Amino acid sequence: MDFLSSMGLFIGSLLSNTLASLSGGGAGLIQFPLLIFLGLPFAIALATHKVASVALGLGAALKHVRAGTLDWTLTIYVILAGMVGVIAGANLILFIPGRVAEALLGVLILGLGIYSLTKSSLGQDTQPRHRDLAGMVIGGIGLAAIGVLNGSLTAGTGLFVTLFLIRWFGFDYKQAVALTLVSVGLFWNGIGAVTMYVAGAEIYWPWIPVLLAGSLLGGYLGAHLATQKSNRLIKRCFEVLTFLIGFKLLLGM
């Protein structure tokens, strides 16, 4: 890869991961199509993107740990709840054509944006609920289902986790984004990348250093902005990303 292509890859990775870290998901909106545009086949681009996305979670984790915004008990719960779904999804995607699934996912993500847009008070304040045993079990099943999508598809599933944590458990946007970025960005994506590699997916290692640098820096920068900005601004960023990703997946651009 020449210098200009490397810089384009770094800037694209930095931009997509900064937005994802601020909003709670969606790094694949820019980064994954960019890998395909630069010449990688779909399966290789997907596996390479999964590996790079781990650095997004690491960058966000570094900032949120320093800021003290993480509840580690709940973080471990989200990681474990989605783990089985991620592994299943990462194996399924190697055998199932993804176009129809991506279009359906696009419709669902658009629905998330519309729902958030019509609920002005959503995620603005913490309102703890469903923290009893039954609520945690049902919540775990929901997170496992989202984990299947995370393991098998390219973009937007972190947004599902963000809104699920807000709607089911009563987190505000800042808390939900922090939980999502560490649980999904670092651990779910890491598990998915390892599973795909073991199952035979090829990773294009020469581009990984540039992608890791952009993802790590973008994850940290987005998490910094998330701790500084209001829940309302983060909600608006979330909504913008849901519409962009939803239309992209639906139209197949």
Protein backbone atom coordinates (compact mmCIF):
# COMPACT_ATOMS: atom_id res chain seq x y z
CA MET A 1 0.00 0.00 0.00
CA ASP A 2 1.40 3.43 -0.94
CA PHE A 3 1.57 6.42 1.42
CA LEU A 4 -1.63 8.10 0.20
CA SER A 5 -3.64 4.89 0.50
CA SER A 6 -2.23 4.32 3.98
CA MET A 7 -3.19 7.84 5.06
CA GLY A 8 -6.67 7.41 3.59
CA LEU A 9 -7.07 4.15 5.48
CA PHE A 10 -5.87 5.74 8.73
CA ILE A 11 -8.13 8.80 8.39
CA GLY A 12 -11.14 6.66 7.51
CA SER A 13 -10.47 4.38 10.47
CA LEU A 14 -9.93 7.34 12.82
CA LEU A 15 -13.13 9.08 11.73
CA SER A 16 -15.34 5.98 11.84
CA ASN A 17 -14.07 4.84 15.23
CA THR A 18 -14.33 8.31 16.78
CA LEU A 19 -18.00 8.51 15.75
CA ALA A 20 -18.63 4.95 16.90
CA SER A 21 -17.00 5.56 20.27
CA LEU A 22 -19.08 8.70 20.80
CA SER A 23 -22.36 7.09 19.74
CA GLY A 24 -22.06 3.50 20.90
CA GLY A 25 -21.45 1.68 17.62
CA GLY A 26 -21.25 1.91 13.85
CA ALA A 27 -17.51 1.82 13.09
CA GLY A 28 -18.18 -0.44 10.13
CA LEU A 29 -20.14 2.32 8.37
CA ILE A 30 -16.92 3.78 6.98
CA GLN A 31 -14.14 1.34 7.82
CA PHE A 32 -15.61 -1.86 6.34
CA PRO A 33 -16.65 -0.39 2.94
CA LEU A 34 -13.27 1.37 2.80
CA LEU A 35 -11.48 -1.97 3.03
CA ILE A 36 -13.57 -3.32 0.15
CA PHE A 37 -12.98 -0.12 -1.88
CA LEU A 38 -9.22 -0.57 -1.42
CA GLY A 39 -9.43 -4.07 -2.87
CA LEU A 40 -10.16 -6.65 -0.20
CA PRO A 41 -12.79 -9.35 -0.90
CA PHE A 42 -15.88 -9.28 1.36
CA ALA A 43 -14.91 -12.15 3.71
CA ILE A 44 -11.32 -10.94 4.14
CA ALA A 45 -12.47 -7.35 4.67
CA LEU A 46 -14.97 -8.51 7.32
CA ALA A 47 -12.39 -10.53 9.26
CA THR A 48 -9.82 -7.71 9.00
CA HIS A 49 -12.40 -5.17 10.20
CA LYS A 50 -13.29 -7.38 13.17
CA VAL A 51 -9.65 -7.53 14.27
CA ALA A 52 -9.18 -3.77 13.89
CA SER A 53 -12.39 -3.05 15.80
CA VAL A 54 -10.89 -4.59 18.93
CA ALA A 55 -8.62 -1.54 19.18
CA LEU A 56 -11.74 0.68 19.22
CA GLY A 57 -12.86 -1.07 22.40
CA LEU A 58 -9.36 -0.87 23.86
CA GLY A 59 -9.10 2.86 23.21
CA ALA A 60 -12.53 3.48 24.70
CA ALA A 61 -11.75 1.23 27.68
CA LEU A 62 -8.57 3.17 28.49
CA LYS A 63 -10.50 6.43 28.64
CA HIS A 64 -13.53 5.10 30.52
CA VAL A 65 -11.35 3.30 33.09
CA ARG A 66 -9.44 6.53 33.72
CA ALA A 67 -12.73 8.44 34.00
CA GLY A 68 -14.26 5.83 36.32
CA THR A 69 -17.44 5.55 34.23
CA LEU A 70 -17.57 1.72 34.03
CA ASP A 71 -19.50 -0.68 36.24
CA TRP A 72 -17.31 -3.78 35.88
CA THR A 73 -19.94 -6.20 37.18
CA LEU A 74 -22.38 -5.15 34.47
CA THR A 75 -19.59 -5.04 31.88
CA ILE A 76 -18.69 -8.67 32.57
CA TYR A 77 -22.40 -9.58 32.45
CA VAL A 78 -22.81 -8.02 28.98
CA ILE A 79 -19.64 -9.72 27.72
CA LEU A 80 -20.71 -13.17 28.92
CA ALA A 81 -24.34 -12.77 27.82
CA GLY A 82 -23.37 -12.03 24.22
CA MET A 83 -20.43 -14.42 23.93
CA VAL A 84 -22.34 -17.51 22.76
CA GLY A 85 -24.31 -15.47 20.20
CA VAL A 86 -21.12 -13.90 18.82
CA ILE A 87 -19.46 -17.28 18.33
CA ALA A 88 -22.56 -18.69 16.63
CA GLY A 89 -22.90 -15.66 14.37
CA ALA A 90 -19.22 -15.66 13.37
CA ASN A 91 -19.55 -19.28 12.22
CA LEU A 92 -22.87 -18.72 10.44
CA ILE A 93 -21.67 -15.80 8.30
CA LEU A 94 -19.10 -18.04 6.58
CA PHE A 95 -21.91 -20.17 5.09
CA ILE A 96 -24.90 -17.81 4.66
CA PRO A 97 -25.15 -15.12 1.93
CA GLY A 98 -25.29 -11.80 3.73
CA ARG A 99 -27.22 -9.47 1.39
CA VAL A 100 -30.76 -10.22 2.59
CA ALA A 101 -29.61 -10.28 6.20
CA GLU A 102 -27.92 -6.91 5.77
CA ALA A 103 -31.06 -5.38 4.25
CA LEU A 104 -33.18 -6.66 7.14
CA LEU A 105 -30.61 -5.37 9.61
CA GLY A 106 -30.79 -1.98 7.86
CA VAL A 107 -34.56 -1.85 8.41
CA LEU A 108 -34.12 -2.74 12.09
CA ILE A 109 -31.44 -0.09 12.62
CA LEU A 110 -33.61 2.54 10.94
CA GLY A 111 -36.30 1.51 13.40
CA LEU A 112 -33.87 2.16 16.27
CA GLY A 113 -33.22 5.68 15.00
CA ILE A 114 -36.91 6.45 14.54
CA TYR A 115 -37.71 5.10 18.00
CA SER A 116 -34.98 7.18 19.63
CA LEU A 117 -35.99 10.27 17.65
CA THR A 118 -39.61 10.02 18.82
CA LYS A 119 -38.66 9.48 22.49
CA SER A 120 -37.21 12.82 23.52
CA SER A 121 -36.47 11.76 27.11
CA LEU A 122 -34.94 8.40 26.20
CA GLY A 123 -31.58 7.86 27.88
CA GLN A 124 -31.34 11.35 29.32
CA ASP A 125 -31.43 10.20 32.94
CA THR A 126 -30.59 6.97 34.72
CA GLN A 127 -33.72 5.00 35.64
CA PRO A 128 -32.56 1.58 36.90
CA ARG A 129 -34.97 -1.27 36.14
CA HIS A 130 -34.98 -5.03 35.46
CA ARG A 131 -31.93 -5.51 37.68
CA ASP A 132 -33.49 -8.52 39.49
CA LEU A 133 -32.78 -12.16 38.54
CA ALA A 134 -35.66 -12.47 36.06
CA GLY A 135 -34.76 -9.17 34.41
CA MET A 136 -31.09 -10.15 34.11
CA VAL A 137 -31.98 -13.53 32.57
CA ILE A 138 -34.31 -11.97 29.99
CA GLY A 139 -31.75 -9.24 29.32
CA GLY A 140 -29.08 -11.90 28.82
CA ILE A 141 -31.21 -13.65 26.21
CA GLY A 142 -31.69 -10.34 24.39
CA LEU A 143 -27.95 -9.62 24.45
CA ALA A 144 -27.19 -13.14 23.17
CA ALA A 145 -29.54 -12.55 20.21
CA ILE A 146 -27.76 -9.28 19.42
CA GLY A 147 -24.48 -11.19 19.74
CA VAL A 148 -25.49 -13.40 16.81
CA LEU A 149 -25.90 -10.28 14.68
CA ASN A 150 -22.59 -8.89 15.92
CA GLY A 151 -20.72 -12.04 15.01
CA SER A 152 -22.24 -12.33 11.56
CA LEU A 153 -22.70 -8.80 10.20
CA THR A 154 -20.50 -5.82 9.62
CA ALA A 155 -21.93 -2.63 11.09
CA GLY A 156 -24.44 -1.26 13.52
CA THR A 157 -24.94 -4.02 16.07
CA GLY A 158 -23.28 -1.96 18.81
CA LEU A 159 -26.15 0.48 18.35
CA PHE A 160 -28.57 -2.32 19.22
CA VAL A 161 -26.71 -2.99 22.45
CA THR A 162 -26.62 0.71 23.33
CA LEU A 163 -30.38 1.13 22.91
CA PHE A 164 -31.13 -2.22 24.57
CA LEU A 165 -29.17 -1.20 27.67
CA ILE A 166 -31.07 2.10 27.78
CA ARG A 167 -34.51 0.63 27.16
CA TRP A 168 -34.33 -2.56 29.23
CA PHE A 169 -31.97 -1.67 32.07
CA GLY A 170 -32.61 2.09 32.27
CA PHE A 171 -29.10 3.39 31.61
CA ASP A 172 -28.57 6.89 30.29
CA TYR A 173 -26.73 7.31 26.97
CA LYS A 174 -23.31 7.96 28.55
CA GLN A 175 -23.47 4.81 30.68
CA ALA A 176 -24.83 2.67 27.84
CA VAL A 177 -22.20 3.87 25.35
CA ALA A 178 -19.36 3.18 27.82
CA LEU A 179 -20.66 -0.34 28.49
CA THR A 180 -21.19 -1.05 24.80
CA LEU A 181 -17.80 0.16 23.65
CA VAL A 182 -15.88 -1.96 26.13
CA SER A 183 -18.11 -5.06 26.02
CA VAL A 184 -18.84 -5.09 22.28
CA GLY A 185 -15.88 -3.19 20.86
CA LEU A 186 -13.18 -4.96 22.84
CA PHE A 187 -14.56 -8.38 23.79
CA TRP A 188 -17.40 -9.30 21.40
CA ASN A 189 -15.40 -8.18 18.36
CA GLY A 190 -12.29 -9.91 19.71
CA ILE A 191 -14.20 -13.16 20.21
CA GLY A 192 -15.76 -12.81 16.76
CA ALA A 193 -12.40 -12.20 15.10
CA VAL A 194 -10.80 -15.23 16.76
CA THR A 195 -13.80 -17.43 15.89
CA MET A 196 -13.73 -16.39 12.23
CA TYR A 197 -9.96 -16.98 12.06
CA VAL A 198 -10.27 -20.45 13.60
CA ALA A 199 -13.15 -21.24 11.22
CA GLY A 200 -10.91 -20.44 8.26
CA ALA A 201 -11.48 -16.73 7.49
CA GLU A 202 -8.43 -14.94 6.10
CA ILE A 203 -7.18 -11.71 7.69
CA TYR A 204 -5.15 -9.22 5.66
CA TRP A 205 -2.39 -8.60 8.20
CA PRO A 206 -0.36 -5.94 6.28
CA TRP A 207 -3.14 -3.36 6.84
CA ILE A 208 -3.75 -4.24 10.49
CA PRO A 209 -1.15 -1.82 12.01
CA VAL A 210 -2.70 1.22 10.26
CA LEU A 211 -6.22 0.12 11.19
CA LEU A 212 -5.25 -0.56 14.79
CA ALA A 213 -3.70 2.90 15.12
CA GLY A 214 -6.83 4.61 13.74
CA SER A 215 -9.17 2.46 15.82
CA LEU A 216 -7.24 2.89 19.07
CA LEU A 217 -6.92 6.66 18.71
CA GLY A 218 -10.51 7.04 17.49
CA GLY A 219 -11.84 4.91 20.35
CA TYR A 220 -10.01 7.03 22.92
CA LEU A 221 -10.99 10.33 21.30
CA GLY A 222 -14.66 9.38 20.98
CA ALA A 223 -14.78 8.15 24.59
CA HIS A 224 -13.21 11.43 25.72
CA LEU A 225 -15.88 13.40 23.86
CA ALA A 226 -18.60 11.14 25.31
CA THR A 227 -17.50 11.89 28.87
CA GLN A 228 -17.45 15.63 28.16
CA LYS A 229 -20.66 16.08 26.16
CA SER A 230 -24.31 15.91 27.21
CA ASN A 231 -26.60 12.88 26.90
CA ARG A 232 -28.71 14.87 24.42
CA LEU A 233 -25.78 15.42 22.04
CA ILE A 234 -24.79 11.76 22.27
CA LYS A 235 -28.43 10.81 21.56
CA ARG A 236 -28.41 12.96 18.42
CA CYS A 237 -25.13 11.39 17.24
CA PHE A 238 -26.65 7.96 17.86
CA GLU A 239 -29.70 8.85 15.78
CA VAL A 240 -27.64 10.24 12.89
CA LEU A 241 -25.54 7.07 12.76
CA THR A 242 -28.59 4.80 12.85
CA PHE A 243 -30.05 6.54 9.80
CA LEU A 244 -26.75 6.52 7.89
CA ILE A 245 -26.01 2.87 8.65
CA GLY A 246 -29.62 1.78 8.18
CA PHE A 247 -29.88 3.29 4.70
CA LYS A 248 -26.43 1.99 3.76
CA LEU A 249 -27.31 -1.58 4.71
CA LEU A 250 -30.78 -1.38 3.19
CA LEU A 251 -29.60 0.01 -0.15
CA GLY A 252 -26.42 -2.04 -0.27
CA MET A 253 -24.15 0.91 -1.03
